[in-house]
Amino acid sequence: MQRWRNPQSVSFTAARPHFIDGSDTPRDFLERCIATIQAREPVLKAWVVLDLDAARKAADASSARYRDGRPLSPVDGCPVGVKDIIATRDLPTQMNSPAFAAWQARSDAAPVHAMRTGGAVIVGKTVTTEFAVGYSGPTTNAFDPGRTPGGSSSGSAAAVGAGMVPIAFGTQTQGSTIRPASYNGAVGYKPTLGMLPLGGVHPLSQTLDHLGVIGATLDDVWCAASQTSLAVGSPGHASLPGAGPAAPAAQRPRRMIHLHTKGWREIDAATANAFGGFTEALASEGVKLISRDNDRRVAQLEERLDAWVDEGLDLLACEMRWPFEAYVQEHGTLIGERIRGFMERARAITPAQYDGLLANRLRMQAEVRSVAAGTDGFVTLPCSGIAPRGFEFTGSRTFLAYWSCLGFPTFSLPLLCIDEMPLGVQWMGVDGQDGALAASANWCLQELG
């Protein structure tokens, strides 16, 4: 198995002990990030807007707190990128839409507020596809400027993969955190639905939208997710289990379910071989792999998942009607063709049909929980292969739609490499088990990474 190594990434949690002992400072760390931004941004195009003066001021304040032995939190001094559908009080939030050019929120979204409260340094806004669902922005891949970075958290993933920042916020409604994390050699985390707050994040779908975190390492991702959960919470939802300044202690999984859903029809031989090497390595470490080949219930689950998963697009269309129907009425063709198509799709779905979609989702969640009982989760690919060439197509969502529609937690772990390009492993659990899933993901990265 050819394993991925990213010489570009920068880890905040690895640097923080040096802030504490005085051998490094948040300002110096930020300046190294800024040097990378200035060197690579002309080609990468990861940022919509930067505010380096404000970032330097925040980093100086953080450096003073460390010097005085009084950092505010484990994220104090951490440079952060913010996807441009997430509101910021001091930078425009434009959603990659001409209808929102120069639009300015009056307050920070919940995740941004949580990070600022902990002393984090907001560097700027990262490129998104239109409203995180429409046409792409200009961002290129962190490892090949001729390839897509993935969507919709394009700029966030590319910025982290290129070493511009150690952490960036994204979102995921279908595949918008896990896929670009895989394409750019970063760790991606999509939590249990609602576990991380979405206040101030432009909505697409109440039952599908997730805040996402993309980071250089699992510790970076977990530290930022923990701060977001603990500082502001998520109304109506439990706080992040196992929250802390680093990922939960590594725990070897005993039994994992290897899912072979219809995405496997899309992959090429190199991708199949790379993932096959990974599953062989898992088995050699004593992890029992359960699959459709040795468990009838898993085979039946895959059939049910494949028959059901496309209902997520109808859910998305129905739940986009507000505010997008009003946007189309007001702005017309300033709103992209794909979004206008979703509005046409939504008008064809009756209230009774929507009720049926919600009921089917509940049944599917229950079936996945039942099959998962007694295991440590599921493993599959996060995408059909390495990042495709070109920029019109941001990659297939087939592997990703299942866990987004279920609202269950998943990680993309940057473990595999094909033709010097990164390919992640999708490490998935059931709702509310984010901490345990992070512990087994930590083991996977330590032992196989």
Protein backbone atom coordinates (compact mmCIF):
# COMPACT_ATOMS: atom_id res chain seq x y z
CA MET A 1 0.00 0.00 0.00
CA GLN A 2 1.49 3.33 -1.07
CA ARG A 3 0.85 5.72 1.81
CA TRP A 4 0.24 9.43 1.55
CA ARG A 5 2.69 11.90 3.03
CA ASN A 6 1.94 15.62 2.84
CA PRO A 7 5.12 17.70 3.13
CA GLN A 8 3.09 20.91 2.77
CA SER A 9 0.68 20.75 5.71
CA VAL A 10 1.16 22.68 8.95
CA SER A 11 -0.25 21.42 12.25
CA PHE A 12 -1.31 23.87 14.93
CA THR A 13 -1.60 21.28 17.70
CA ALA A 14 1.96 20.14 16.97
CA ALA A 15 3.24 23.74 17.17
CA ARG A 16 1.30 24.79 20.28
CA PRO A 17 3.69 23.26 22.88
CA HIS A 18 6.36 25.59 21.47
CA PHE A 19 4.10 28.58 22.11
CA ILE A 20 3.75 27.43 25.70
CA ASP A 21 7.51 26.99 26.25
CA GLY A 22 8.31 30.23 24.42
CA SER A 23 10.37 28.75 21.58
CA ASP A 24 7.77 29.85 19.01
CA THR A 25 4.87 32.31 18.91
CA PRO A 26 1.47 32.46 17.23
CA ARG A 27 2.65 35.52 15.29
CA ASP A 28 5.65 33.66 13.89
CA PHE A 29 3.42 30.67 13.06
CA LEU A 30 0.99 32.98 11.26
CA GLU A 31 3.81 34.60 9.30
CA ARG A 32 4.87 31.19 8.01
CA CYS A 33 1.27 30.59 6.91
CA ILE A 34 1.15 34.01 5.24
CA ALA A 35 4.38 33.30 3.36
CA THR A 36 2.78 30.16 1.95
CA ILE A 37 -0.38 32.07 1.04
CA GLN A 38 1.61 34.74 -0.77
CA ALA A 39 3.68 32.16 -2.63
CA ARG A 40 0.86 29.86 -3.70
CA GLU A 41 -2.36 31.88 -3.87
CA PRO A 42 -1.78 33.22 -7.41
CA VAL A 43 -2.18 29.65 -8.71
CA LEU A 44 -4.26 27.99 -5.98
CA LYS A 45 -6.92 30.72 -5.73
CA ALA A 46 -8.25 29.36 -2.43
CA TRP A 47 -9.33 32.69 -0.93
CA VAL A 48 -12.16 35.08 -1.70
CA VAL A 49 -10.87 37.72 0.70
CA LEU A 50 -8.00 37.95 3.20
CA ASP A 51 -7.53 40.31 6.13
CA LEU A 52 -3.89 39.84 7.04
CA ASP A 53 -3.67 43.03 9.10
CA ALA A 54 -6.46 41.86 11.40
CA ALA A 55 -4.94 38.38 11.51
CA ARG A 56 -1.56 39.77 12.57
CA LYS A 57 -3.22 41.87 15.26
CA ALA A 58 -5.05 38.81 16.61
CA ALA A 59 -1.86 36.74 16.48
CA ASP A 60 0.04 39.41 18.40
CA ALA A 61 -2.64 39.41 21.11
CA SER A 62 -2.41 35.63 21.28
CA SER A 63 1.39 35.75 21.51
CA ALA A 64 1.09 38.12 24.49
CA ARG A 65 -1.31 35.74 26.24
CA TYR A 66 1.08 32.81 25.81
CA ARG A 67 3.96 34.96 27.03
CA ASP A 68 1.91 35.72 30.15
CA GLY A 69 0.96 32.08 30.59
CA ARG A 70 -2.75 32.80 29.99
CA PRO A 71 -3.92 31.37 26.65
CA LEU A 72 -7.67 31.45 26.29
CA SER A 73 -8.16 27.91 24.97
CA PRO A 74 -6.43 25.12 23.04
CA VAL A 75 -7.15 27.00 19.78
CA ASP A 76 -5.63 30.30 20.95
CA GLY A 77 -3.49 31.58 18.08
CA CYS A 78 -4.72 29.05 15.50
CA PRO A 79 -5.03 30.49 11.96
CA VAL A 80 -8.41 29.55 10.47
CA GLY A 81 -10.04 29.77 7.06
CA VAL A 82 -13.81 30.19 6.82
CA LYS A 83 -15.91 28.92 3.92
CA ASP A 84 -17.69 31.82 2.27
CA ILE A 85 -21.21 30.70 3.16
CA ILE A 86 -20.36 31.12 6.87
CA ALA A 87 -21.03 34.61 8.20
CA THR A 88 -18.25 36.84 9.52
CA ARG A 89 -18.81 40.23 11.12
CA ASP A 90 -15.72 41.85 9.59
CA LEU A 91 -15.51 40.24 6.15
CA PRO A 92 -18.14 39.93 3.40
CA THR A 93 -20.02 36.65 2.94
CA GLN A 94 -20.79 36.38 -0.76
CA MET A 95 -21.66 32.68 -1.33
CA ASN A 96 -19.93 32.77 -4.76
CA SER A 97 -23.08 34.44 -6.04
CA PRO A 98 -23.35 37.77 -7.90
CA ALA A 99 -26.66 38.27 -6.08
CA PHE A 100 -24.69 38.58 -2.83
CA ALA A 101 -21.71 40.61 -4.03
CA ALA A 102 -20.24 42.56 -1.09
CA TRP A 103 -22.97 41.31 1.29
CA GLN A 104 -21.92 41.83 4.90
CA ALA A 105 -23.31 40.08 7.98
CA ARG A 106 -23.54 42.01 11.24
CA SER A 107 -22.30 39.17 13.44
CA ASP A 108 -20.23 36.02 13.28
CA ALA A 109 -21.72 32.61 12.62
CA ALA A 110 -21.67 30.29 15.63
CA PRO A 111 -18.50 28.38 14.65
CA VAL A 112 -16.59 31.60 13.92
CA HIS A 113 -17.76 33.11 17.21
CA ALA A 114 -16.63 29.98 19.05
CA MET A 115 -13.16 30.12 17.55
CA ARG A 116 -12.72 33.84 18.14
CA THR A 117 -13.85 33.35 21.75
CA GLY A 118 -10.99 30.89 22.13
CA GLY A 119 -8.43 33.27 20.63
CA ALA A 120 -8.22 31.78 17.13
CA VAL A 121 -7.02 33.95 14.24
CA ILE A 122 -9.46 34.36 11.35
CA VAL A 123 -7.33 34.71 8.22
CA GLY A 124 -10.02 35.11 5.58
CA LYS A 125 -12.89 33.61 3.61
CA THR A 126 -12.33 30.58 1.39
CA VAL A 127 -13.86 29.86 -2.00
CA THR A 128 -17.10 27.87 -2.19
CA THR A 129 -19.23 26.69 -5.06
CA GLU A 130 -22.36 28.84 -5.52
CA PHE A 131 -24.30 28.56 -2.24
CA ALA A 132 -22.36 25.29 -1.69
CA VAL A 133 -24.44 23.57 -4.38
CA GLY A 134 -24.07 25.41 -7.69
CA TYR A 135 -21.29 26.32 -10.10
CA SER A 136 -17.63 26.13 -9.07
CA GLY A 137 -15.19 28.86 -8.13
CA PRO A 138 -11.63 29.34 -9.42
CA THR A 139 -9.76 27.20 -6.87
CA THR A 140 -7.28 24.55 -8.06
CA ASN A 141 -6.02 21.40 -6.34
CA ALA A 142 -3.26 21.72 -3.75
CA PHE A 143 -1.12 19.10 -5.55
CA ASP A 144 -1.95 19.58 -9.22
CA PRO A 145 -3.16 22.92 -10.62
CA GLY A 146 -4.84 21.09 -13.48
CA ARG A 147 -7.20 19.15 -11.19
CA THR A 148 -10.30 20.08 -9.22
CA PRO A 149 -10.00 20.67 -5.47
CA GLY A 150 -13.49 19.18 -5.08
CA GLY A 151 -16.58 21.01 -4.00
CA SER A 152 -18.16 22.68 -2.34
CA SER A 153 -15.60 23.44 0.39
CA SER A 154 -13.03 23.99 -2.36
CA GLY A 155 -10.94 26.77 -0.91
CA SER A 156 -10.97 25.40 2.63
CA ALA A 157 -9.58 22.01 1.57
CA ALA A 158 -7.03 23.44 -0.84
CA ALA A 159 -5.81 25.98 1.72
CA VAL A 160 -5.27 23.29 4.34
CA GLY A 161 -3.70 20.85 1.87
CA ALA A 162 -1.28 23.53 0.67
CA GLY A 163 -0.20 24.49 4.20
CA MET A 164 -1.77 27.96 4.13
CA VAL A 165 -3.70 27.29 7.36
CA PRO A 166 -3.93 24.29 9.69
CA ILE A 167 -7.74 24.47 10.00
CA ALA A 168 -10.62 25.62 7.82
CA PHE A 169 -14.37 25.34 8.19
CA GLY A 170 -16.46 23.78 5.46
CA THR A 171 -19.96 22.40 5.22
CA GLN A 172 -21.44 19.18 3.88
CA THR A 173 -24.91 18.57 2.53
CA GLN A 174 -23.90 15.74 0.21
CA GLY A 175 -20.11 15.45 -0.15
CA SER A 176 -18.70 18.91 0.37
CA THR A 177 -16.25 18.31 3.22
CA ILE A 178 -15.16 14.69 2.91
CA ARG A 179 -14.50 14.68 -0.85
CA PRO A 180 -12.34 17.85 -1.05
CA ALA A 181 -10.44 16.73 2.06
CA SER A 182 -9.61 13.49 0.23
CA TYR A 183 -8.59 15.30 -2.97
CA ASN A 184 -6.26 17.66 -1.06
CA GLY A 185 -4.60 15.26 1.37
CA ALA A 186 -6.27 16.63 4.50
CA VAL A 187 -8.31 15.19 7.35
CA GLY A 188 -12.03 15.90 6.93
CA TYR A 189 -14.72 15.51 9.58
CA LYS A 190 -18.50 15.60 9.13
CA PRO A 191 -20.15 15.16 12.53
CA THR A 192 -23.44 13.66 13.56
CA LEU A 193 -26.17 15.94 12.20
CA GLY A 194 -26.56 18.95 14.50
CA MET A 195 -23.67 18.12 16.82
CA LEU A 196 -21.76 21.20 15.63
CA PRO A 197 -23.75 24.44 15.34
CA LEU A 198 -24.94 25.91 12.05
CA GLY A 199 -26.18 29.28 13.28
CA GLY A 200 -25.11 31.92 10.77
CA VAL A 201 -24.29 29.34 8.07
CA HIS A 202 -26.33 29.86 4.90
CA PRO A 203 -28.88 27.02 4.78
CA LEU A 204 -29.52 24.45 2.10
CA SER A 205 -31.34 21.63 3.88
CA GLN A 206 -32.32 21.37 7.53
CA THR A 207 -32.11 17.57 7.52
CA LEU A 208 -28.90 17.31 5.49
CA ASP A 209 -26.67 20.31 6.31
CA HIS A 210 -23.62 19.66 8.49
CA LEU A 211 -20.79 21.92 9.62
CA GLY A 212 -17.51 20.38 8.47
CA VAL A 213 -13.95 20.75 9.72
CA ILE A 214 -10.90 20.24 7.50
CA GLY A 215 -7.46 20.12 9.08
CA ALA A 216 -3.84 19.16 8.69
CA THR A 217 -4.13 16.40 11.30
CA LEU A 218 -6.82 14.60 13.24
CA ASP A 219 -5.72 16.44 16.38
CA ASP A 220 -6.17 19.80 14.62
CA VAL A 221 -9.64 18.83 13.40
CA TRP A 222 -10.73 17.51 16.80
CA CYS A 223 -9.37 20.52 18.67
CA ALA A 224 -11.33 22.92 16.45
CA ALA A 225 -14.49 20.81 16.56
CA SER A 226 -14.23 20.60 20.35
CA GLN A 227 -13.85 24.34 20.74
CA THR A 228 -16.83 24.91 18.46
CA SER A 229 -18.98 22.49 20.45
CA LEU A 230 -17.93 23.53 23.95
CA ALA A 231 -17.84 27.31 23.42
CA VAL A 232 -21.33 27.78 21.97
CA GLY A 233 -23.03 24.37 21.85
CA SER A 234 -25.66 23.37 19.33
CA PRO A 235 -29.20 23.97 20.59
CA GLY A 236 -31.22 20.79 20.82
CA HIS A 237 -28.18 18.55 20.44
CA ALA A 238 -25.65 16.97 22.78
CA SER A 239 -22.13 18.34 22.89
CA LEU A 240 -19.31 16.56 21.10
CA PRO A 241 -18.47 13.32 22.97
CA GLY A 242 -14.78 13.07 23.82
CA ALA A 243 -14.24 16.79 23.21
CA GLY A 244 -10.73 17.93 24.11
CA PRO A 245 -7.53 19.61 22.91
CA ALA A 246 -6.51 16.53 20.89
CA ALA A 247 -8.21 13.52 19.37
CA PRO A 248 -9.35 10.78 21.77
CA ALA A 249 -6.68 8.18 22.58
CA ALA A 250 -6.14 5.67 19.79
CA GLN A 251 -8.34 2.59 20.09
CA ARG A 252 -7.98 -0.36 17.72
CA PRO A 253 -11.32 -1.34 16.19
CA ARG A 254 -12.28 -4.99 16.51
CA ARG A 255 -14.84 -5.29 13.71
CA MET A 256 -15.46 -2.96 10.77
CA ILE A 257 -18.05 -3.30 8.01
CA HIS A 258 -16.61 -2.84 4.52
CA LEU A 259 -19.41 -1.30 2.45
CA HIS A 260 -19.59 -2.07 -1.29
CA THR A 261 -22.30 0.30 -2.46
CA LYS A 262 -22.90 1.33 -6.06
CA GLY A 263 -19.98 3.75 -6.02
CA TRP A 264 -17.70 0.78 -6.55
CA ARG A 265 -18.92 0.63 -10.14
CA GLU A 266 -17.22 4.00 -10.74
CA ILE A 267 -13.67 3.22 -9.60
CA ASP A 268 -10.63 2.30 -11.69
CA ALA A 269 -8.11 -0.48 -11.11
CA ALA A 270 -5.56 1.74 -9.37
CA THR A 271 -8.16 2.91 -6.85
CA ALA A 272 -9.36 -0.65 -6.25
CA ASN A 273 -5.79 -1.83 -5.70
CA ALA A 274 -4.96 1.01 -3.32
CA PHE A 275 -8.04 0.39 -1.20
CA GLY A 276 -7.47 -3.35 -1.34
CA GLY A 277 -4.01 -2.84 0.09
CA PHE A 278 -5.52 -0.80 2.89
CA THR A 279 -8.10 -3.44 3.84
CA GLU A 280 -5.36 -6.09 3.79
CA ALA A 281 -3.33 -3.93 6.17
CA LEU A 282 -6.37 -3.56 8.44
CA ALA A 283 -6.84 -7.32 8.52
CA SER A 284 -3.14 -7.89 9.24
CA GLU A 285 -3.55 -5.71 12.34
CA GLY A 286 -6.28 -8.02 13.65
CA VAL A 287 -9.31 -6.01 12.53
CA LYS A 288 -12.12 -8.32 11.38
CA LEU A 289 -13.71 -7.05 8.17
CA ILE A 290 -17.36 -7.86 7.62
CA SER A 291 -18.79 -7.48 4.12
CA ARG A 292 -21.52 -8.62 1.81
CA ASP A 293 -19.34 -11.64 1.03
CA ASN A 294 -19.55 -13.03 4.56
CA ASP A 295 -22.67 -11.46 6.09
CA ARG A 296 -26.14 -11.60 4.54
CA ARG A 297 -27.40 -8.62 6.57
CA VAL A 298 -24.65 -6.42 5.14
CA ALA A 299 -25.56 -7.47 1.59
CA GLN A 300 -29.22 -6.63 2.27
CA LEU A 301 -28.26 -3.29 3.82
CA GLU A 302 -26.26 -2.34 0.74
CA GLU A 303 -29.22 -3.12 -1.49
CA ARG A 304 -31.50 -0.99 0.68
CA LEU A 305 -29.01 1.88 0.82
CA ASP A 306 -28.55 1.89 -2.95
CA ALA A 307 -32.30 1.87 -3.55
CA TRP A 308 -32.86 4.70 -1.07
CA VAL A 309 -29.94 7.11 -1.33
CA ASP A 310 -31.18 9.19 -4.27
CA GLU A 311 -34.17 10.27 -2.17
CA GLY A 312 -31.70 12.66 -0.57
CA LEU A 313 -31.87 14.84 -3.67
CA ASP A 314 -35.64 15.17 -3.27
CA LEU A 315 -35.19 16.06 0.40
CA LEU A 316 -32.62 18.66 -0.61
CA ALA A 317 -34.87 20.16 -3.28
CA CYS A 318 -37.86 20.40 -0.92
CA GLU A 319 -35.87 22.00 1.87
CA MET A 320 -34.15 24.50 -0.45
CA ARG A 321 -37.44 26.19 -1.32
CA TRP A 322 -36.74 28.71 1.39
CA PRO A 323 -34.83 30.87 0.69
CA PHE A 324 -33.92 29.86 -2.86
CA GLU A 325 -37.38 30.18 -4.39
CA ALA A 326 -37.35 33.81 -3.27
CA TYR A 327 -33.82 34.27 -4.60
CA VAL A 328 -34.86 33.01 -8.03
CA GLN A 329 -37.93 35.26 -8.04
CA GLU A 330 -35.86 38.30 -7.07
CA HIS A 331 -32.61 37.70 -8.95
CA GLY A 332 -33.57 35.48 -11.88
CA THR A 333 -30.61 34.15 -13.84
CA LEU A 334 -28.12 35.63 -11.34
CA ILE A 335 -28.97 32.40 -9.52
CA GLY A 336 -27.27 29.45 -11.20
CA GLU A 337 -28.92 26.89 -13.44
CA ARG A 338 -28.49 23.97 -11.02
CA ILE A 339 -30.26 25.82 -8.21
CA ARG A 340 -33.10 26.85 -10.53
CA GLY A 341 -33.41 23.18 -11.49
CA PHE A 342 -33.75 22.20 -7.84
CA MET A 343 -36.64 24.65 -7.51
CA GLU A 344 -38.42 23.00 -10.45
CA ARG A 345 -37.83 19.61 -8.85
CA ALA A 346 -39.21 20.84 -5.52
CA ARG A 347 -42.46 22.08 -7.05
CA ALA A 348 -43.18 18.55 -8.32
CA ILE A 349 -42.99 17.00 -4.82
CA THR A 350 -46.20 16.99 -2.78
CA PRO A 351 -46.34 17.44 1.01
CA ALA A 352 -47.37 13.78 1.33
CA GLN A 353 -44.35 12.70 -0.70
CA TYR A 354 -42.08 14.81 1.50
CA ASP A 355 -43.55 13.16 4.60
CA GLY A 356 -42.73 9.81 3.01
CA LEU A 357 -39.15 10.88 2.40
CA LEU A 358 -38.72 11.73 6.09
CA ALA A 359 -40.25 8.43 7.16
CA ASN A 360 -38.00 6.47 4.82
CA ARG A 361 -34.97 8.25 6.23
CA LEU A 362 -35.92 7.26 9.78
CA ARG A 363 -36.33 3.62 8.71
CA MET A 364 -32.96 3.64 6.97
CA GLN A 365 -31.24 5.13 10.01
CA ALA A 366 -32.72 2.40 12.21
CA GLU A 367 -31.59 -0.33 9.82
CA VAL A 368 -28.01 0.99 9.70
CA ARG A 369 -27.88 1.17 13.50
CA SER A 370 -29.15 -2.42 13.72
CA VAL A 371 -26.56 -3.82 11.32
CA ALA A 372 -23.79 -1.77 12.96
CA ALA A 373 -24.53 -3.14 16.45
CA GLY A 374 -21.51 -5.01 17.77
CA THR A 375 -19.10 -3.39 15.31
CA ASP A 376 -16.90 -0.29 15.43
CA GLY A 377 -18.26 1.27 12.27
CA PHE A 378 -17.99 1.19 8.50
CA VAL A 379 -15.18 1.76 6.02
CA THR A 380 -15.24 2.58 2.31
CA LEU A 381 -13.82 5.08 -0.16
CA PRO A 382 -14.67 8.79 0.16
CA CYS A 383 -14.77 9.27 -3.61
CA SER A 384 -14.33 7.37 -6.85
CA GLY A 385 -10.60 8.04 -7.08
CA ILE A 386 -8.10 10.88 -7.00
CA ALA A 387 -9.18 14.38 -8.03
CA PRO A 388 -10.39 14.49 -11.66
CA ARG A 389 -8.64 16.72 -14.17
CA GLY A 390 -10.40 19.95 -15.05
CA PHE A 391 -12.76 22.17 -13.10
CA GLU A 392 -16.29 21.76 -14.42
CA PHE A 393 -16.79 18.48 -12.54
CA THR A 394 -15.87 18.47 -8.84
CA GLY A 395 -16.14 14.69 -8.56
CA SER A 396 -18.77 12.06 -7.88
CA ARG A 397 -20.87 12.28 -4.71
CA THR A 398 -21.88 8.61 -4.86
CA PHE A 399 -19.71 7.38 -1.98
CA LEU A 400 -20.64 10.35 0.18
CA ALA A 401 -24.38 10.74 -0.15
CA TYR A 402 -25.25 7.81 2.12
CA TRP A 403 -23.75 9.16 5.34
CA SER A 404 -24.86 12.71 4.59
CA CYS A 405 -28.44 11.53 4.08
CA LEU A 406 -28.28 9.46 7.26
CA GLY A 407 -26.79 12.33 9.27
CA PHE A 408 -24.14 10.01 10.73
CA PRO A 409 -20.49 10.94 11.46
CA THR A 410 -17.64 10.29 9.07
CA PHE A 411 -13.97 11.12 8.59
CA SER A 412 -11.77 11.26 5.52
CA LEU A 413 -8.34 9.98 6.53
CA PRO A 414 -5.44 10.89 4.18
CA LEU A 415 -3.87 7.46 3.94
CA LEU A 416 -3.57 6.44 0.28
CA CYS A 417 -1.58 7.69 -2.70
CA ILE A 418 -2.01 7.10 -6.44
CA ASP A 419 0.29 8.75 -9.01
CA GLU A 420 1.58 11.15 -6.33
CA MET A 421 -1.97 12.35 -5.62
CA PRO A 422 -3.77 11.82 -2.30
CA LEU A 423 -6.76 9.55 -1.77
CA GLY A 424 -8.57 9.31 1.54
CA VAL A 425 -10.29 6.50 3.37
CA GLN A 426 -13.85 7.13 4.58
CA TRP A 427 -14.22 6.02 8.23
CA MET A 428 -17.87 6.05 9.28
CA GLY A 429 -19.98 5.48 12.40
CA VAL A 430 -23.51 5.83 13.71
CA ASP A 431 -25.06 8.92 15.22
CA GLY A 432 -23.72 10.13 18.56
CA GLN A 433 -20.62 7.93 18.40
CA ASP A 434 -18.30 10.65 17.11
CA GLY A 435 -15.82 10.30 19.98
CA ALA A 436 -15.45 6.54 19.61
CA LEU A 437 -15.14 6.92 15.85
CA ALA A 438 -12.38 9.51 16.32
CA ALA A 439 -10.53 7.14 18.65
CA SER A 440 -10.52 4.33 16.08
CA ALA A 441 -9.62 6.80 13.31
CA ASN A 442 -6.69 7.92 15.48
CA TRP A 443 -5.52 4.30 15.73
CA CYS A 444 -5.88 3.89 11.97
CA LEU A 445 -3.74 6.95 11.24
CA GLN A 446 -1.07 5.97 13.77
CA GLU A 447 -0.79 2.34 12.72
CA LEU A 448 -1.44 2.56 8.97
CA GLY A 449 -0.62 6.17 8.16
